[in-house]
């Protein structure tokens, strides 16, 4: 397991109530490193945080780890099965990645 993946897994497991459900996959391509996070639906709010601040902080830390290892590290948080997000809202809005949603929150 690479350092960035191990770091993310450790950090997330410390934040959630269901650490056994945390799964991090790592893919390297021409854009850099993509870490994909799967967690229990009950823990989604803890990882996103108020107005996305926790997710933003996690991404910042991953970028620092990436810079130390000369790599661009990005994080994708998968919507868990049985998520608590309202289905009507999900259908009404076009599907966005977490990164796009985070950009919308910036003022």
PDB file of N, CA and C in Angstrom:
ATOM      1  N   UNK A   1       0.850  -1.181   0.000  1.00  0.00           N
ATOM      2  CA  UNK A   1       0.000   0.000   0.000  1.00  0.00           C
ATOM      3  C   UNK A   1       0.896   1.245   0.000  1.00  0.00           C
ATOM      4  N   UNK A   2       0.570   2.181  -0.874  1.00  0.00           N
ATOM      5  CA  UNK A   2       1.346   3.415  -0.977  1.00  0.00           C
ATOM      6  C   UNK A   2       1.065   4.329   0.214  1.00  0.00           C
ATOM      7  N   UNK A   3       1.981   5.265   0.466  1.00  0.00           N
ATOM      8  CA  UNK A   3       1.855   6.150   1.624  1.00  0.00           C
ATOM      9  C   UNK A   3       0.577   6.982   1.596  1.00  0.00           C
ATOM     10  N   UNK A   4       0.213   7.520   0.411  1.00  0.00           N
ATOM     11  CA  UNK A   4      -0.980   8.356   0.350  1.00  0.00           C
ATOM     12  C   UNK A   4      -2.243   7.550   0.653  1.00  0.00           C
ATOM     13  N   UNK A   5      -2.298   6.327   0.143  1.00  0.00           N
ATOM     14  CA  UNK A   5      -3.452   5.468   0.385  1.00  0.00           C
ATOM     15  C   UNK A   5      -3.524   5.066   1.864  1.00  0.00           C
ATOM     16  N   UNK A   6      -2.395   4.709   2.448  1.00  0.00           N
ATOM     17  CA  UNK A   6      -2.341   4.328   3.858  1.00  0.00           C
ATOM     18  C   UNK A   6      -2.727   5.509   4.752  1.00  0.00           C
ATOM     19  N   UNK A   7      -2.241   6.698   4.395  1.00  0.00           N
ATOM     20  CA  UNK A   7      -2.559   7.907   5.157  1.00  0.00           C
ATOM     21  C   UNK A   7      -4.058   8.182   5.148  1.00  0.00           C
ATOM     22  N   UNK A   8      -4.667   8.131   3.957  1.00  0.00           N
ATOM     23  CA  UNK A   8      -6.104   8.388   3.849  1.00  0.00           C
ATOM     24  C   UNK A   8      -6.903   7.353   4.634  1.00  0.00           C
ATOM     25  N   UNK A   9      -6.550   6.089   4.480  1.00  0.00           N
ATOM     26  CA  UNK A   9      -7.276   5.026   5.177  1.00  0.00           C
ATOM     27  C   UNK A   9      -7.189   5.213   6.692  1.00  0.00           C
ATOM     28  N   UNK A  10      -5.996   5.510   7.203  1.00  0.00           N
ATOM     29  CA  UNK A  10      -5.823   5.730   8.639  1.00  0.00           C
ATOM     30  C   UNK A  10      -6.675   6.906   9.111  1.00  0.00           C
ATOM     31  N   UNK A  11      -6.606   8.013   8.377  1.00  0.00           N
ATOM     32  CA  UNK A  11      -7.319   9.226   8.768  1.00  0.00           C
ATOM     33  C   UNK A  11      -8.830   8.991   8.794  1.00  0.00           C
ATOM     34  N   UNK A  12      -9.367   8.376   7.746  1.00  0.00           N
ATOM     35  CA  UNK A  12     -10.806   8.158   7.655  1.00  0.00           C
ATOM     36  C   UNK A  12     -11.281   7.186   8.728  1.00  0.00           C
ATOM     37  N   UNK A  13     -10.517   6.119   8.966  1.00  0.00           N
ATOM     38  CA  UNK A  13     -10.911   5.145   9.989  1.00  0.00           C
ATOM     39  C   UNK A  13     -10.985   5.770  11.371  1.00  0.00           C
ATOM     40  N   UNK A  14     -10.178   6.788  11.618  1.00  0.00           N
ATOM     41  CA  UNK A  14     -10.217   7.470  12.909  1.00  0.00           C
ATOM     42  C   UNK A  14     -11.439   8.392  13.040  1.00  0.00           C
ATOM     43  N   UNK A  15     -12.019   8.807  11.913  1.00  0.00           N
ATOM     44  CA  UNK A  15     -13.142   9.750  11.930  1.00  0.00           C
ATOM     45  C   UNK A  15     -14.512   9.081  11.948  1.00  0.00           C
ATOM     46  N   UNK A  16     -14.612   7.852  11.473  1.00  0.00           N
ATOM     47  CA  UNK A  16     -15.921   7.228  11.278  1.00  0.00           C
ATOM     48  C   UNK A  16     -16.296   6.286  12.415  1.00  0.00           C
ATOM     49  N   UNK A  17     -17.592   5.936  12.473  1.00  0.00           N
ATOM     50  CA  UNK A  17     -18.091   4.982  13.466  1.00  0.00           C
ATOM     51  C   UNK A  17     -17.972   3.536  12.986  1.00  0.00           C
ATOM     52  N   UNK A  18     -17.818   3.356  11.666  1.00  0.00           N
ATOM     53  CA  UNK A  18     -17.738   2.015  11.078  1.00  0.00           C
ATOM     54  C   UNK A  18     -16.424   1.844  10.317  1.00  0.00           C
ATOM     55  N   UNK A  19     -15.292   1.775  11.032  1.00  0.00           N
ATOM     56  CA  UNK A  19     -13.991   1.724  10.345  1.00  0.00           C
ATOM     57  C   UNK A  19     -13.800   0.475   9.486  1.00  0.00           C
ATOM     58  N   UNK A  20     -14.495  -0.613   9.798  1.00  0.00           N
ATOM     59  CA  UNK A  20     -14.345  -1.830   9.004  1.00  0.00           C
ATOM     60  C   UNK A  20     -14.936  -1.683   7.608  1.00  0.00           C
ATOM     61  N   UNK A  21     -15.826  -0.684   7.405  1.00  0.00           N
ATOM     62  CA  UNK A  21     -16.460  -0.458   6.107  1.00  0.00           C
ATOM     63  C   UNK A  21     -15.660   0.471   5.200  1.00  0.00           C
ATOM     64  N   UNK A  22     -14.543   1.010   5.699  1.00  0.00           N
ATOM     65  CA  UNK A  22     -13.729   1.943   4.919  1.00  0.00           C
ATOM     66  C   UNK A  22     -12.910   1.163   3.889  1.00  0.00           C
ATOM     67  N   UNK A  23     -13.019   1.601   2.640  1.00  0.00           N
ATOM     68  CA  UNK A  23     -12.261   0.969   1.555  1.00  0.00           C
ATOM     69  C   UNK A  23     -11.677   2.072   0.676  1.00  0.00           C
ATOM     70  N   UNK A  24     -10.377   2.031   0.462  1.00  0.00           N
ATOM     71  CA  UNK A  24      -9.694   3.016  -0.378  1.00  0.00           C
ATOM     72  C   UNK A  24      -9.044   2.289  -1.544  1.00  0.00           C
ATOM     73  N   UNK A  25      -9.374   2.738  -2.758  1.00  0.00           N
ATOM     74  CA  UNK A  25      -8.712   2.184  -3.932  1.00  0.00           C
ATOM     75  C   UNK A  25      -7.862   3.272  -4.559  1.00  0.00           C
ATOM     76  N   UNK A  26      -6.764   2.856  -5.191  1.00  0.00           N
ATOM     77  CA  UNK A  26      -5.791   3.806  -5.744  1.00  0.00           C
ATOM     78  C   UNK A  26      -5.548   3.484  -7.209  1.00  0.00           C
ATOM     79  N   UNK A  27      -5.672   4.513  -8.059  1.00  0.00           N
ATOM     80  CA  UNK A  27      -5.420   4.368  -9.490  1.00  0.00           C
ATOM     81  C   UNK A  27      -4.473   5.491  -9.908  1.00  0.00           C
ATOM     82  N   UNK A  28      -3.459   5.137 -10.680  1.00  0.00           N
ATOM     83  CA  UNK A  28      -2.509   6.130 -11.193  1.00  0.00           C
ATOM     84  C   UNK A  28      -2.698   6.229 -12.701  1.00  0.00           C
ATOM     85  N   UNK A  29      -2.830   7.466 -13.206  1.00  0.00           N
ATOM     86  CA  UNK A  29      -2.914   7.690 -14.644  1.00  0.00           C
ATOM     87  C   UNK A  29      -2.137   8.953 -14.984  1.00  0.00           C
ATOM     88  N   UNK A  30      -2.324   9.453 -16.207  1.00  0.00           N
ATOM     89  CA  UNK A  30      -1.567  10.640 -16.639  1.00  0.00           C
ATOM     90  C   UNK A  30      -1.928  11.897 -15.848  1.00  0.00           C
ATOM     91  N   UNK A  31      -3.090  11.898 -15.201  1.00  0.00           N
ATOM     92  CA  UNK A  31      -3.519  13.055 -14.403  1.00  0.00           C
ATOM     93  C   UNK A  31      -2.940  13.017 -12.994  1.00  0.00           C
ATOM     94  N   UNK A  32      -2.400  11.887 -12.574  1.00  0.00           N
ATOM     95  CA  UNK A  32      -1.857  11.751 -11.234  1.00  0.00           C
ATOM     96  C   UNK A  32      -2.470  10.566 -10.524  1.00  0.00           C
ATOM     97  N   UNK A  33      -2.620  10.691  -9.222  1.00  0.00           N
ATOM     98  CA  UNK A  33      -3.147   9.620  -8.390  1.00  0.00           C
ATOM     99  C   UNK A  33      -4.599   9.935  -8.049  1.00  0.00           C
ATOM    100  N   UNK A  34      -5.473   8.946  -8.213  1.00  0.00           N
ATOM    101  CA  UNK A  34      -6.868   9.096  -7.808  1.00  0.00           C
ATOM    102  C   UNK A  34      -7.150   8.093  -6.716  1.00  0.00           C
ATOM    103  N   UNK A  35      -7.486   8.610  -5.530  1.00  0.00           N
ATOM    104  CA  UNK A  35      -7.897   7.757  -4.422  1.00  0.00           C
ATOM    105  C   UNK A  35      -9.416   7.804  -4.356  1.00  0.00           C
ATOM    106  N   UNK A  36     -10.042   6.634  -4.368  1.00  0.00           N
ATOM    107  CA  UNK A  36     -11.494   6.547  -4.299  1.00  0.00           C
ATOM    108  C   UNK A  36     -11.867   5.974  -2.947  1.00  0.00           C
ATOM    109  N   UNK A  37     -12.761   6.665  -2.256  1.00  0.00           N
ATOM    110  CA  UNK A  37     -13.143   6.304  -0.897  1.00  0.00           C
ATOM    111  C   UNK A  37     -14.560   5.766  -0.868  1.00  0.00           C
ATOM    112  N   UNK A  38     -14.720   4.595  -0.290  1.00  0.00           N
ATOM    113  CA  UNK A  38     -16.038   4.011  -0.040  1.00  0.00           C
ATOM    114  C   UNK A  38     -16.194   3.871   1.470  1.00  0.00           C
ATOM    115  N   UNK A  39     -17.319   4.381   1.997  1.00  0.00           N
ATOM    116  CA  UNK A  39     -17.575   4.311   3.431  1.00  0.00           C
ATOM    117  C   UNK A  39     -19.020   3.921   3.674  1.00  0.00           C
ATOM    118  N   UNK A  40     -19.336   3.622   4.913  1.00  0.00           N
ATOM    119  CA  UNK A  40     -20.700   3.314   5.323  1.00  0.00           C
ATOM    120  C   UNK A  40     -21.558   4.564   5.161  1.00  0.00           C
ATOM    121  N   UNK A  41     -22.797   4.384   4.724  1.00  0.00           N
ATOM    122  CA  UNK A  41     -23.701   5.513   4.492  1.00  0.00           C
ATOM    123  C   UNK A  41     -23.890   6.368   5.751  1.00  0.00           C
ATOM    124  N   UNK A  42     -23.863   5.748   6.912  1.00  0.00           N
ATOM    125  CA  UNK A  42     -24.052   6.480   8.168  1.00  0.00           C
ATOM    126  C   UNK A  42     -22.901   7.447   8.454  1.00  0.00           C
ATOM    127  N   UNK A  43     -21.739   7.192   7.874  1.00  0.00           N
ATOM    128  CA  UNK A  43     -20.554   8.009   8.143  1.00  0.00           C
ATOM    129  C   UNK A  43     -20.339   9.130   7.128  1.00  0.00           C
ATOM    130  N   UNK A  44     -21.179   9.208   6.121  1.00  0.00           N
ATOM    131  CA  UNK A  44     -20.974  10.173   5.042  1.00  0.00           C
ATOM    132  C   UNK A  44     -20.915  11.608   5.570  1.00  0.00           C
ATOM    133  N   UNK A  45     -21.814  11.962   6.466  1.00  0.00           N
ATOM    134  CA  UNK A  45     -21.835  13.319   7.017  1.00  0.00           C
ATOM    135  C   UNK A  45     -20.562  13.681   7.756  1.00  0.00           C
ATOM    136  N   UNK A  46     -19.977  12.713   8.442  1.00  0.00           N
ATOM    137  CA  UNK A  46     -18.735  12.976   9.179  1.00  0.00           C
ATOM    138  C   UNK A  46     -17.580  13.275   8.243  1.00  0.00           C
ATOM    139  N   UNK A  47     -17.571  12.616   7.093  1.00  0.00           N
ATOM    140  CA  UNK A  47     -16.464  12.797   6.150  1.00  0.00           C
ATOM    141  C   UNK A  47     -16.647  14.062   5.318  1.00  0.00           C
ATOM    142  N   UNK A  48     -17.874  14.384   4.940  1.00  0.00           N
ATOM    143  CA  UNK A  48     -18.125  15.606   4.172  1.00  0.00           C
ATOM    144  C   UNK A  48     -18.015  16.829   5.074  1.00  0.00           C
ATOM    145  N   UNK A  49     -18.638  16.771   6.247  1.00  0.00           N
ATOM    146  CA  UNK A  49     -18.581  17.883   7.194  1.00  0.00           C
ATOM    147  C   UNK A  49     -19.512  19.013   6.807  1.00  0.00           C
ATOM    148  N   UNK A  50     -19.601  20.008   7.665  1.00  0.00           N
ATOM    149  CA  UNK A  50     -20.461  21.161   7.398  1.00  0.00           C
ATOM    150  C   UNK A  50     -19.938  21.931   6.203  1.00  0.00           C
ATOM    151  N   UNK A  51     -20.820  22.146   5.248  1.00  0.00           N
ATOM    152  CA  UNK A  51     -20.504  22.857   4.009  1.00  0.00           C
ATOM    153  C   UNK A  51     -19.282  22.263   3.304  1.00  0.00           C
ATOM    154  N   UNK A  52     -19.039  20.984   3.541  1.00  0.00           N
ATOM    155  CA  UNK A  52     -17.935  20.312   2.864  1.00  0.00           C
ATOM    156  C   UNK A  52     -16.566  20.613   3.434  1.00  0.00           C
ATOM    157  N   UNK A  53     -16.509  21.218   4.607  1.00  0.00           N
ATOM    158  CA  UNK A  53     -15.214  21.641   5.148  1.00  0.00           C
ATOM    159  C   UNK A  53     -14.299  20.482   5.513  1.00  0.00           C
ATOM    160  N   UNK A  54     -14.850  19.386   6.032  1.00  0.00           N
ATOM    161  CA  UNK A  54     -14.001  18.245   6.384  1.00  0.00           C
ATOM    162  C   UNK A  54     -13.416  17.619   5.123  1.00  0.00           C
ATOM    163  N   UNK A  55     -14.244  17.426   4.098  1.00  0.00           N
ATOM    164  CA  UNK A  55     -13.753  16.862   2.835  1.00  0.00           C
ATOM    165  C   UNK A  55     -12.687  17.773   2.224  1.00  0.00           C
ATOM    166  N   UNK A  56     -12.900  19.070   2.310  1.00  0.00           N
ATOM    167  CA  UNK A  56     -11.933  20.025   1.775  1.00  0.00           C
ATOM    168  C   UNK A  56     -10.590  19.901   2.508  1.00  0.00           C
ATOM    169  N   UNK A  57     -10.651  19.754   3.825  1.00  0.00           N
ATOM    170  CA  UNK A  57      -9.429  19.620   4.623  1.00  0.00           C
ATOM    171  C   UNK A  57      -8.701  18.320   4.299  1.00  0.00           C
ATOM    172  N   UNK A  58      -9.468  17.234   4.117  1.00  0.00           N
ATOM    173  CA  UNK A  58      -8.856  15.950   3.759  1.00  0.00           C
ATOM    174  C   UNK A  58      -8.157  16.066   2.408  1.00  0.00           C
ATOM    175  N   UNK A  59      -8.794  16.726   1.452  1.00  0.00           N
ATOM    176  CA  UNK A  59      -8.177  16.911   0.127  1.00  0.00           C
ATOM    177  C   UNK A  59      -6.896  17.741   0.228  1.00  0.00           C
ATOM    178  N   UNK A  60      -6.920  18.765   1.055  1.00  0.00           N
ATOM    179  CA  UNK A  60      -5.730  19.599   1.240  1.00  0.00           C
ATOM    180  C   UNK A  60      -4.581  18.773   1.798  1.00  0.00           C
ATOM    181  N   UNK A  61      -4.864  17.963   2.814  1.00  0.00           N
ATOM    182  CA  UNK A  61      -3.821  17.113   3.388  1.00  0.00           C
ATOM    183  C   UNK A  61      -3.281  16.117   2.361  1.00  0.00           C
ATOM    184  N   UNK A  62      -4.167  15.558   1.537  1.00  0.00           N
ATOM    185  CA  UNK A  62      -3.712  14.619   0.512  1.00  0.00           C
ATOM    186  C   UNK A  62      -2.836  15.311  -0.527  1.00  0.00           C
ATOM    187  N   UNK A  63      -3.150  16.548  -0.856  1.00  0.00           N
ATOM    188  CA  UNK A  63      -2.312  17.283  -1.811  1.00  0.00           C
ATOM    189  C   UNK A  63      -0.924  17.522  -1.233  1.00  0.00           C
ATOM    190  N   UNK A  64      -0.855  17.798   0.067  1.00  0.00           N
ATOM    191  CA  UNK A  64       0.443  17.993   0.725  1.00  0.00           C
ATOM    192  C   UNK A  64       1.241  16.690   0.696  1.00  0.00           C
ATOM    193  N   UNK A  65       0.591  15.576   1.010  1.00  0.00           N
ATOM    194  CA  UNK A  65       1.260  14.271   0.942  1.00  0.00           C
ATOM    195  C   UNK A  65       1.735  14.016  -0.487  1.00  0.00           C
ATOM    196  N   UNK A  66       0.906  14.358  -1.459  1.00  0.00           N
ATOM    197  CA  UNK A  66       1.276  14.185  -2.862  1.00  0.00           C
ATOM    198  C   UNK A  66       2.472  15.024  -3.249  1.00  0.00           C
ATOM    199  N   UNK A  67       2.479  16.284  -2.814  1.00  0.00           N
ATOM    200  CA  UNK A  67       3.612  17.162  -3.142  1.00  0.00           C
ATOM    201  C   UNK A  67       4.908  16.609  -2.580  1.00  0.00           C
ATOM    202  N   UNK A  68       4.843  16.061  -1.391  1.00  0.00           N
ATOM    203  CA  UNK A  68       6.034  15.495  -0.771  1.00  0.00           C
ATOM    204  C   UNK A  68       6.570  14.326  -1.598  1.00  0.00           C
ATOM    205  N   UNK A  69       5.664  13.630  -2.296  1.00  0.00           N
ATOM    206  CA  UNK A  69       6.052  12.475  -3.114  1.00  0.00           C
ATOM    207  C   UNK A  69       6.014  12.787  -4.613  1.00  0.00           C
ATOM    208  N   UNK A  70       6.016  14.082  -4.965  1.00  0.00           N
ATOM    209  CA  UNK A  70       6.009  14.529  -6.358  1.00  0.00           C
ATOM    210  C   UNK A  70       4.867  13.927  -7.170  1.00  0.00           C
ATOM    211  N   UNK A  71       3.662  13.936  -6.606  1.00  0.00           N
ATOM    212  CA  UNK A  71       2.488  13.390  -7.301  1.00  0.00           C
ATOM    213  C   UNK A  71       1.290  14.287  -7.031  1.00  0.00           C
ATOM    214  N   UNK A  72       0.390  14.335  -7.988  1.00  0.00           N
ATOM    215  CA  UNK A  72      -0.869  15.060  -7.805  1.00  0.00           C
ATOM    216  C   UNK A  72      -1.893  14.050  -7.313  1.00  0.00           C
ATOM    217  N   UNK A  73      -2.410  14.263  -6.101  1.00  0.00           N
ATOM    218  CA  UNK A  73      -3.340  13.315  -5.492  1.00  0.00           C
ATOM    219  C   UNK A  73      -4.727  13.936  -5.441  1.00  0.00           C
ATOM    220  N   UNK A  74      -5.708  13.219  -5.983  1.00  0.00           N
ATOM    221  CA  UNK A  74      -7.100  13.651  -5.945  1.00  0.00           C
ATOM    222  C   UNK A  74      -7.924  12.619  -5.194  1.00  0.00           C
ATOM    223  N   UNK A  75      -9.017  13.078  -4.611  1.00  0.00           N
ATOM    224  CA  UNK A  75      -9.896  12.206  -3.832  1.00  0.00           C
ATOM    225  C   UNK A  75     -11.292  12.216  -4.418  1.00  0.00           C
ATOM    226  N   UNK A  76     -11.834  11.028  -4.609  1.00  0.00           N
ATOM    227  CA  UNK A  76     -13.227  10.870  -5.013  1.00  0.00           C
ATOM    228  C   UNK A  76     -13.933  10.123  -3.895  1.00  0.00           C
ATOM    229  N   UNK A  77     -15.035  10.687  -3.409  1.00  0.00           N
ATOM    230  CA  UNK A  77     -15.822  10.038  -2.364  1.00  0.00           C
ATOM    231  C   UNK A  77     -17.066   9.473  -3.021  1.00  0.00           C
ATOM    232  N   UNK A  78     -17.187   8.157  -3.029  1.00  0.00           N
ATOM    233  CA  UNK A  78     -18.343   7.518  -3.649  1.00  0.00           C
ATOM    234  C   UNK A  78     -19.578   7.668  -2.774  1.00  0.00           C
ATOM    235  N   UNK A  79     -20.713   7.923  -3.416  1.00  0.00           N
ATOM    236  CA  UNK A  79     -21.996   7.957  -2.715  1.00  0.00           C
ATOM    237  C   UNK A  79     -22.319   6.529  -2.286  1.00  0.00           C
ATOM    238  N   UNK A  80     -22.473   6.275  -0.981  1.00  0.00           N
ATOM    239  CA  UNK A  80     -22.712   4.901  -0.534  1.00  0.00           C
ATOM    240  C   UNK A  80     -24.113   4.414  -0.890  1.00  0.00           C
ATOM    241  N   UNK A  81     -24.250   3.102  -1.014  1.00  0.00           N
ATOM    242  CA  UNK A  81     -25.572   2.503  -1.208  1.00  0.00           C
ATOM    243  C   UNK A  81     -26.412   2.832   0.019  1.00  0.00           C
ATOM    244  N   UNK A  82     -27.652   3.197  -0.224  1.00  0.00           N
ATOM    245  CA  UNK A  82     -28.525   3.529   0.899  1.00  0.00           C
ATOM    246  C   UNK A  82     -28.184   4.855   1.535  1.00  0.00           C
ATOM    247  N   UNK A  83     -27.589   5.757   0.772  1.00  0.00           N
ATOM    248  CA  UNK A  83     -27.242   7.081   1.288  1.00  0.00           C
ATOM    249  C   UNK A  83     -28.486   7.827   1.724  1.00  0.00           C
ATOM    250  N   UNK A  84     -28.316   8.805   2.601  1.00  0.00           N
ATOM    251  CA  UNK A  84     -29.460   9.523   3.167  1.00  0.00           C
ATOM    252  C   UNK A  84     -29.867  10.734   2.352  1.00  0.00           C
ATOM    253  N   UNK A  85     -29.205  10.973   1.221  1.00  0.00           N
ATOM    254  CA  UNK A  85     -29.556  12.100   0.382  1.00  0.00           C
ATOM    255  C   UNK A  85     -30.944  11.862  -0.210  1.00  0.00           C
ATOM    256  N   UNK A  86     -31.759  12.888  -0.276  1.00  0.00           N
ATOM    257  CA  UNK A  86     -33.135  12.760  -0.767  1.00  0.00           C
ATOM    258  C   UNK A  86     -33.134  12.371  -2.236  1.00  0.00           C
ATOM    259  N   UNK A  87     -33.873  11.317  -2.620  1.00  0.00           N
ATOM    260  CA  UNK A  87     -33.887  10.891  -4.014  1.00  0.00           C
ATOM    261  C   UNK A  87     -34.423  11.965  -4.954  1.00  0.00           C
ATOM    262  N   UNK A  88     -35.424  12.738  -4.524  1.00  0.00           N
ATOM    263  CA  UNK A  88     -35.989  13.779  -5.390  1.00  0.00           C
ATOM    264  C   UNK A  88     -34.928  14.821  -5.730  1.00  0.00           C
ATOM    265  N   UNK A  89     -34.125  15.191  -4.760  1.00  0.00           N
ATOM    266  CA  UNK A  89     -33.066  16.175  -4.998  1.00  0.00           C
ATOM    267  C   UNK A  89     -32.011  15.598  -5.932  1.00  0.00           C
ATOM    268  N   UNK A  90     -31.721  14.329  -5.781  1.00  0.00           N
ATOM    269  CA  UNK A  90     -30.712  13.696  -6.628  1.00  0.00           C
ATOM    270  C   UNK A  90     -31.199  13.607  -8.071  1.00  0.00           C
ATOM    271  N   UNK A  91     -32.502  13.377  -8.258  1.00  0.00           N
ATOM    272  CA  UNK A  91     -33.037  13.284  -9.610  1.00  0.00           C
ATOM    273  C   UNK A  91     -33.180  14.652 -10.254  1.00  0.00           C
ATOM    274  N   UNK A  92     -33.516  15.657  -9.461  1.00  0.00           N
ATOM    275  CA  UNK A  92     -33.758  16.984 -10.011  1.00  0.00           C
ATOM    276  C   UNK A  92     -32.454  17.647 -10.467  1.00  0.00           C
ATOM    277  N   UNK A  93     -31.397  17.461  -9.698  1.00  0.00           N
ATOM    278  CA  UNK A  93     -30.124  18.100 -10.033  1.00  0.00           C
ATOM    279  C   UNK A  93     -29.301  17.170 -10.914  1.00  0.00           C
ATOM    280  N   UNK A  94     -28.551  17.733 -11.867  1.00  0.00           N
ATOM    281  CA  UNK A  94     -27.673  16.877 -12.657  1.00  0.00           C
ATOM    282  C   UNK A  94     -26.605  16.287 -11.750  1.00  0.00           C
ATOM    283  N   UNK A  95     -26.200  15.057 -12.038  1.00  0.00           N
ATOM    284  CA  UNK A  95     -25.233  14.385 -11.193  1.00  0.00           C
ATOM    285  C   UNK A  95     -23.880  15.086 -11.296  1.00  0.00           C
ATOM    286  N   UNK A  96     -23.295  15.382 -10.149  1.00  0.00           N
ATOM    287  CA  UNK A  96     -22.008  16.060 -10.099  1.00  0.00           C
ATOM    288  C   UNK A  96     -21.032  15.226  -9.299  1.00  0.00           C
ATOM    289  N   UNK A  97     -19.773  15.404  -9.598  1.00  0.00           N
ATOM    290  CA  UNK A  97     -18.755  14.772  -8.771  1.00  0.00           C
ATOM    291  C   UNK A  97     -18.632  15.593  -7.490  1.00  0.00           C
ATOM    292  N   UNK A  98     -17.991  15.014  -6.508  1.00  0.00           N
ATOM    293  CA  UNK A  98     -17.792  15.730  -5.246  1.00  0.00           C
ATOM    294  C   UNK A  98     -16.954  16.983  -5.498  1.00  0.00           C
ATOM    295  N   UNK A  99     -15.970  16.892  -6.404  1.00  0.00           N
ATOM    296  CA  UNK A  99     -15.129  18.056  -6.705  1.00  0.00           C
ATOM    297  C   UNK A  99     -15.946  19.196  -7.304  1.00  0.00           C
ATOM    298  N   UNK A 100     -16.877  18.866  -8.215  1.00  0.00           N
ATOM    299  CA  UNK A 100     -17.732  19.896  -8.802  1.00  0.00           C
ATOM    300  C   UNK A 100     -18.633  20.522  -7.747  1.00  0.00           C
ATOM    301  N   UNK A 101     -19.170  19.696  -6.883  1.00  0.00           N
ATOM    302  CA  UNK A 101     -20.024  20.208  -5.810  1.00  0.00           C
ATOM    303  C   UNK A 101     -19.227  21.118  -4.880  1.00  0.00           C
ATOM    304  N   UNK A 102     -17.966  20.751  -4.608  1.00  0.00           N
ATOM    305  CA  UNK A 102     -17.111  21.571  -3.743  1.00  0.00           C
ATOM    306  C   UNK A 102     -16.847  22.933  -4.401  1.00  0.00           C
ATOM    307  N   UNK A 103     -16.643  22.936  -5.719  1.00  0.00           N
ATOM    308  CA  UNK A 103     -16.431  24.204  -6.437  1.00  0.00           C
ATOM    309  C   UNK A 103     -17.659  25.108  -6.313  1.00  0.00           C
ATOM    310  N   UNK A 104     -18.849  24.508  -6.359  1.00  0.00           N
ATOM    311  CA  UNK A 104     -20.090  25.289  -6.230  1.00  0.00           C
ATOM    312  C   UNK A 104     -20.187  25.961  -4.864  1.00  0.00           C
ATOM    313  N   UNK A 105     -19.579  25.369  -3.841  1.00  0.00           N
ATOM    314  CA  UNK A 105     -19.667  25.904  -2.489  1.00  0.00           C
ATOM    315  C   UNK A 105     -18.731  27.093  -2.277  1.00  0.00           C
ATOM    316  N   UNK A 106     -17.717  27.222  -3.116  1.00  0.00           N
ATOM    317  CA  UNK A 106     -16.766  28.329  -2.955  1.00  0.00           C
ATOM    318  C   UNK A 106     -17.440  29.643  -3.297  1.00  0.00           C
ATOM    319  N   UNK A 107     -17.218  30.629  -2.435  1.00  0.00           N
ATOM    320  CA  UNK A 107     -17.846  31.928  -2.637  1.00  0.00           C
ATOM    321  C   UNK A 107     -16.799  32.935  -3.044  1.00  0.00           C
TER     322      UNK A 107
END
